[in-house]
Amino acid sequence: MRSPTEHTLNYLKKMQFPAQVVEQWNQWAKRRKDLWGADILSRQGMKLVAIQSTSGSHHADHVKGAIENPDVENWLVCGVAFEIWSWSKMGKAGKRKLWTPRVTQLVITDTGKIRPM
């Protein structure tokens, strides 16, 4: 089974958007460390996008966590888009289920608050 990060990288490659994983594995803590809340950086046209990738069942948790993460503001203030991508198998009843992304983009408001777009 592929990880959400693998699904995202494959999708971006299919769309011909260059992408690079920016999270690191800390072997001593046995944990992954994101770069300012992002797992992947991708150039989509003239736009740079920081992506947090997760499973479909954790989408809302990651949106909430990103909104509360002060590091995410670093991306948004610098003009980099920040998105949460989650992956779930979806399809009509009785039909083949396909891995489908759900994407939520975060924006910074005039008052400095981060919210979903």
Protein backbone atom coordinates (compact mmCIF):
# COMPACT_ATOMS: atom_id res chain seq x y z
CA MET A 1 0.00 0.00 0.00
CA ARG A 2 1.31 3.43 -0.93
CA SER A 3 1.69 6.22 1.57
CA PRO A 4 -0.18 9.51 1.11
CA THR A 5 3.15 11.15 0.24
CA GLU A 6 3.73 8.58 -2.52
CA HIS A 7 0.21 9.15 -3.89
CA THR A 8 0.82 12.92 -3.93
CA LEU A 9 4.22 12.61 -5.63
CA ASN A 10 2.81 10.27 -8.29
CA TYR A 11 -0.11 12.62 -8.95
CA LEU A 12 2.17 15.66 -9.24
CA LYS A 13 4.49 13.74 -11.59
CA LYS A 14 1.50 12.77 -13.75
CA MET A 15 0.50 16.46 -13.90
CA GLN A 16 4.14 17.30 -14.82
CA PHE A 17 4.66 19.45 -11.72
CA PRO A 18 8.18 19.07 -10.26
CA ALA A 19 8.08 18.08 -6.60
CA GLN A 20 10.48 17.22 -3.79
CA VAL A 21 9.96 15.64 -0.36
CA VAL A 22 11.09 18.07 2.36
CA GLU A 23 10.29 16.09 5.50
CA GLN A 24 13.11 14.20 7.19
CA TRP A 25 13.30 11.04 9.26
CA ASN A 26 14.87 11.49 12.70
CA GLN A 27 16.34 8.07 13.43
CA TRP A 28 16.94 8.76 17.13
CA ALA A 29 13.46 10.08 17.90
CA LYS A 30 11.88 7.61 15.40
CA ARG A 31 9.75 10.47 14.02
CA ARG A 32 9.31 12.42 10.81
CA LYS A 33 10.08 16.15 10.92
CA ASP A 34 8.25 18.40 8.48
CA LEU A 35 9.72 21.56 7.00
CA TRP A 36 7.46 24.29 8.48
CA GLY A 37 4.52 21.88 8.42
CA ALA A 38 5.09 20.65 4.84
CA ASP A 39 5.95 17.20 3.49
CA ILE A 40 6.42 18.21 -0.15
CA LEU A 41 7.33 21.31 -2.16
CA SER A 42 6.02 21.56 -5.71
CA ARG A 43 6.23 24.13 -8.47
CA GLN A 44 2.89 24.41 -10.24
CA GLY A 45 3.31 26.84 -13.09
CA MET A 46 4.57 30.10 -11.60
CA LYS A 47 3.43 29.11 -8.10
CA LEU A 48 5.35 27.33 -5.34
CA VAL A 49 3.16 25.07 -3.20
CA ALA A 50 3.96 23.53 0.20
CA ILE A 51 1.91 20.36 0.69
CA GLN A 52 0.99 18.40 3.82
CA SER A 53 -0.06 14.91 2.73
CA THR A 54 -2.28 12.58 4.77
CA SER A 55 -4.93 9.86 4.63
CA GLY A 56 -8.57 10.77 4.03
CA SER A 57 -9.61 9.98 7.58
CA HIS A 58 -7.13 12.51 8.99
CA HIS A 59 -7.84 15.43 6.63
CA ALA A 60 -9.72 17.57 9.15
CA ASP A 61 -7.09 16.92 11.84
CA HIS A 62 -4.31 18.09 9.52
CA VAL A 63 -6.23 21.20 8.45
CA LYS A 64 -6.76 22.10 12.11
CA GLY A 65 -3.13 21.33 12.96
CA ALA A 66 -1.81 23.43 10.08
CA ILE A 67 -4.01 26.38 11.06
CA GLU A 68 -2.63 26.16 14.62
CA ASN A 69 0.99 25.68 13.47
CA PRO A 70 2.82 29.04 13.61
CA ASP A 71 5.38 27.73 11.10
CA VAL A 72 2.75 27.55 8.33
CA GLU A 73 2.53 31.34 8.45
CA ASN A 74 6.13 31.42 7.11
CA TRP A 75 4.95 29.92 3.82
CA LEU A 76 1.91 32.13 3.45
CA VAL A 77 3.66 35.41 4.29
CA CYS A 78 6.31 34.65 1.65
CA GLY A 79 3.65 34.06 -1.02
CA VAL A 80 3.95 30.26 -1.05
CA ALA A 81 0.63 28.42 -1.24
CA PHE A 82 -0.01 25.86 1.53
CA GLU A 83 -2.30 22.89 0.86
CA ILE A 84 -3.42 19.77 2.69
CA TRP A 85 -3.87 16.78 0.38
CA SER A 86 -5.62 13.68 1.67
CA TRP A 87 -6.16 10.41 -0.17
CA SER A 88 -9.17 8.08 -0.02
CA LYS A 89 -10.50 5.33 -2.23
CA MET A 90 -13.69 6.65 -3.82
CA GLY A 91 -16.17 5.52 -6.44
CA LYS A 92 -19.76 4.56 -7.09
CA ALA A 93 -21.28 1.57 -5.33
CA GLY A 94 -20.42 -1.65 -7.13
CA LYS A 95 -17.74 0.05 -9.22
CA ARG A 96 -13.96 0.03 -8.94
CA LYS A 97 -12.68 2.40 -6.24
CA LEU A 98 -9.84 4.77 -7.17
CA TRP A 99 -7.46 6.74 -4.99
CA THR A 100 -8.78 10.31 -5.09
CA PRO A 101 -7.22 13.46 -3.60
CA ARG A 102 -9.05 16.01 -1.49
CA VAL A 103 -7.23 19.35 -1.45
CA THR A 104 -7.73 22.22 1.00
CA GLN A 105 -5.72 25.41 0.50
CA LEU A 106 -4.95 27.65 3.46
CA VAL A 107 -4.81 31.43 3.17
CA ILE A 108 -3.86 34.25 5.49
CA THR A 109 -6.53 36.89 6.07
CA ASP A 110 -6.14 40.66 6.38
CA THR A 111 -6.27 40.20 10.16
CA GLY A 112 -3.36 37.73 10.05
CA LYS A 113 -5.44 34.63 10.79
CA ILE A 114 -4.94 31.43 8.79
CA ARG A 115 -8.09 29.79 7.44
CA PRO A 116 -9.16 27.28 4.77
CA MET A 117 -10.02 28.79 1.41
